[in-house]
């Protein structure tokens, strides 16, 4: 099964949270309520610098995805 790069997630147990799931490497879930990130990958110490460099870009992409999806609901 193939998934889109980002998925929008919601859960009634976390009523204020909106989750974005990044399905490509490096996989992660971000909670847009507080920008908390949960990585779904294990990283080696030497990968940490590269991950930090890419993190800002990935979070921006996730936020842009969310904004696009919400604008489509409002239309």
C-alpha atoms as a PDB file:
ATOM      1  CA  UNK A   1       0.000   0.000   0.000  1.00  0.00           C
ATOM      2  CA  UNK A   2       1.289   3.455  -0.851  1.00  0.00           C
ATOM      3  CA  UNK A   3       0.614   6.438   1.423  1.00  0.00           C
ATOM      4  CA  UNK A   4       0.790  10.168   0.764  1.00  0.00           C
ATOM      5  CA  UNK A   5       3.821  11.965   2.205  1.00  0.00           C
ATOM      6  CA  UNK A   6       1.700  13.569   4.959  1.00  0.00           C
ATOM      7  CA  UNK A   7      -1.437  12.428   6.755  1.00  0.00           C
ATOM      8  CA  UNK A   8      -3.682  14.508   8.994  1.00  0.00           C
ATOM      9  CA  UNK A   9      -4.520  12.843  12.314  1.00  0.00           C
ATOM     10  CA  UNK A  10      -7.078  13.545  15.020  1.00  0.00           C
ATOM     11  CA  UNK A  11      -8.034  11.803  18.256  1.00  0.00           C
ATOM     12  CA  UNK A  12     -10.838  12.673  20.672  1.00  0.00           C
ATOM     13  CA  UNK A  13      -8.603  11.765  23.624  1.00  0.00           C
ATOM     14  CA  UNK A  14      -6.437  14.757  22.635  1.00  0.00           C
ATOM     15  CA  UNK A  15      -9.168  17.242  21.803  1.00  0.00           C
ATOM     16  CA  UNK A  16      -6.863  20.236  21.201  1.00  0.00           C
ATOM     17  CA  UNK A  17      -4.181  18.353  19.308  1.00  0.00           C
ATOM     18  CA  UNK A  18      -3.817  18.075  15.562  1.00  0.00           C
ATOM     19  CA  UNK A  19      -1.304  15.514  14.365  1.00  0.00           C
ATOM     20  CA  UNK A  20       0.574  15.432  11.085  1.00  0.00           C
ATOM     21  CA  UNK A  21       2.156  12.089  10.196  1.00  0.00           C
ATOM     22  CA  UNK A  22       5.162  12.157   7.862  1.00  0.00           C
ATOM     23  CA  UNK A  23       5.217   8.753   6.163  1.00  0.00           C
ATOM     24  CA  UNK A  24       8.567   8.982   4.350  1.00  0.00           C
ATOM     25  CA  UNK A  25      12.043   8.722   5.838  1.00  0.00           C
ATOM     26  CA  UNK A  26      12.582  10.072   8.409  1.00  0.00           C
ATOM     27  CA  UNK A  27       9.108   9.136   9.632  1.00  0.00           C
ATOM     28  CA  UNK A  28       7.649  11.216  12.436  1.00  0.00           C
ATOM     29  CA  UNK A  29       4.453  12.563  13.990  1.00  0.00           C
ATOM     30  CA  UNK A  30       4.180  16.229  14.930  1.00  0.00           C
ATOM     31  CA  UNK A  31       1.577  17.624  17.274  1.00  0.00           C
ATOM     32  CA  UNK A  32       0.773  21.075  15.876  1.00  0.00           C
ATOM     33  CA  UNK A  33      -0.712  22.162  19.206  1.00  0.00           C
ATOM     34  CA  UNK A  34       2.720  22.270  20.852  1.00  0.00           C
ATOM     35  CA  UNK A  35       5.156  21.352  18.007  1.00  0.00           C
ATOM     36  CA  UNK A  36       6.187  18.183  19.843  1.00  0.00           C
ATOM     37  CA  UNK A  37       7.762  15.645  17.486  1.00  0.00           C
ATOM     38  CA  UNK A  38       7.836  11.884  17.933  1.00  0.00           C
ATOM     39  CA  UNK A  39      10.323  10.140  15.652  1.00  0.00           C
ATOM     40  CA  UNK A  40       9.357   6.735  14.304  1.00  0.00           C
ATOM     41  CA  UNK A  41      12.950   5.958  13.339  1.00  0.00           C
ATOM     42  CA  UNK A  42      16.052   5.065  15.302  1.00  0.00           C
ATOM     43  CA  UNK A  43      19.016   7.273  14.482  1.00  0.00           C
ATOM     44  CA  UNK A  44      22.731   6.826  14.932  1.00  0.00           C
ATOM     45  CA  UNK A  45      24.625   9.595  16.674  1.00  0.00           C
ATOM     46  CA  UNK A  46      26.367  10.546  13.436  1.00  0.00           C
ATOM     47  CA  UNK A  47      22.945  11.105  11.786  1.00  0.00           C
ATOM     48  CA  UNK A  48      21.915  13.636  14.439  1.00  0.00           C
ATOM     49  CA  UNK A  49      23.458  16.688  12.700  1.00  0.00           C
ATOM     50  CA  UNK A  50      21.842  15.882   9.349  1.00  0.00           C
ATOM     51  CA  UNK A  51      18.510  15.319  11.092  1.00  0.00           C
ATOM     52  CA  UNK A  52      18.709  18.666  12.882  1.00  0.00           C
ATOM     53  CA  UNK A  53      19.450  20.402   9.574  1.00  0.00           C
ATOM     54  CA  UNK A  54      16.448  18.807   7.867  1.00  0.00           C
ATOM     55  CA  UNK A  55      14.070  19.130  10.815  1.00  0.00           C
ATOM     56  CA  UNK A  56      13.158  22.773  10.210  1.00  0.00           C
ATOM     57  CA  UNK A  57      12.362  22.063   6.562  1.00  0.00           C
ATOM     58  CA  UNK A  58      10.217  19.024   7.403  1.00  0.00           C
ATOM     59  CA  UNK A  59       8.220  20.893  10.034  1.00  0.00           C
ATOM     60  CA  UNK A  60       7.593  23.718   7.565  1.00  0.00           C
ATOM     61  CA  UNK A  61       6.401  21.192   4.980  1.00  0.00           C
ATOM     62  CA  UNK A  62       4.056  19.623   7.560  1.00  0.00           C
ATOM     63  CA  UNK A  63       2.662  23.032   8.504  1.00  0.00           C
ATOM     64  CA  UNK A  64       2.177  23.962   4.837  1.00  0.00           C
ATOM     65  CA  UNK A  65       0.370  20.653   4.280  1.00  0.00           C
ATOM     66  CA  UNK A  66      -1.958  21.373   7.212  1.00  0.00           C
ATOM     67  CA  UNK A  67      -2.701  24.908   5.983  1.00  0.00           C
ATOM     68  CA  UNK A  68      -3.474  23.577   2.499  1.00  0.00           C
ATOM     69  CA  UNK A  69      -5.797  20.887   3.831  1.00  0.00           C
ATOM     70  CA  UNK A  70      -7.686  23.304   6.078  1.00  0.00           C
ATOM     71  CA  UNK A  71      -8.104  25.796   3.225  1.00  0.00           C
ATOM     72  CA  UNK A  72      -9.721  23.031   1.170  1.00  0.00           C
ATOM     73  CA  UNK A  73     -12.249  22.346   3.947  1.00  0.00           C
ATOM     74  CA  UNK A  74     -13.113  26.042   4.158  1.00  0.00           C
ATOM     75  CA  UNK A  75     -13.696  26.386   0.417  1.00  0.00           C
END
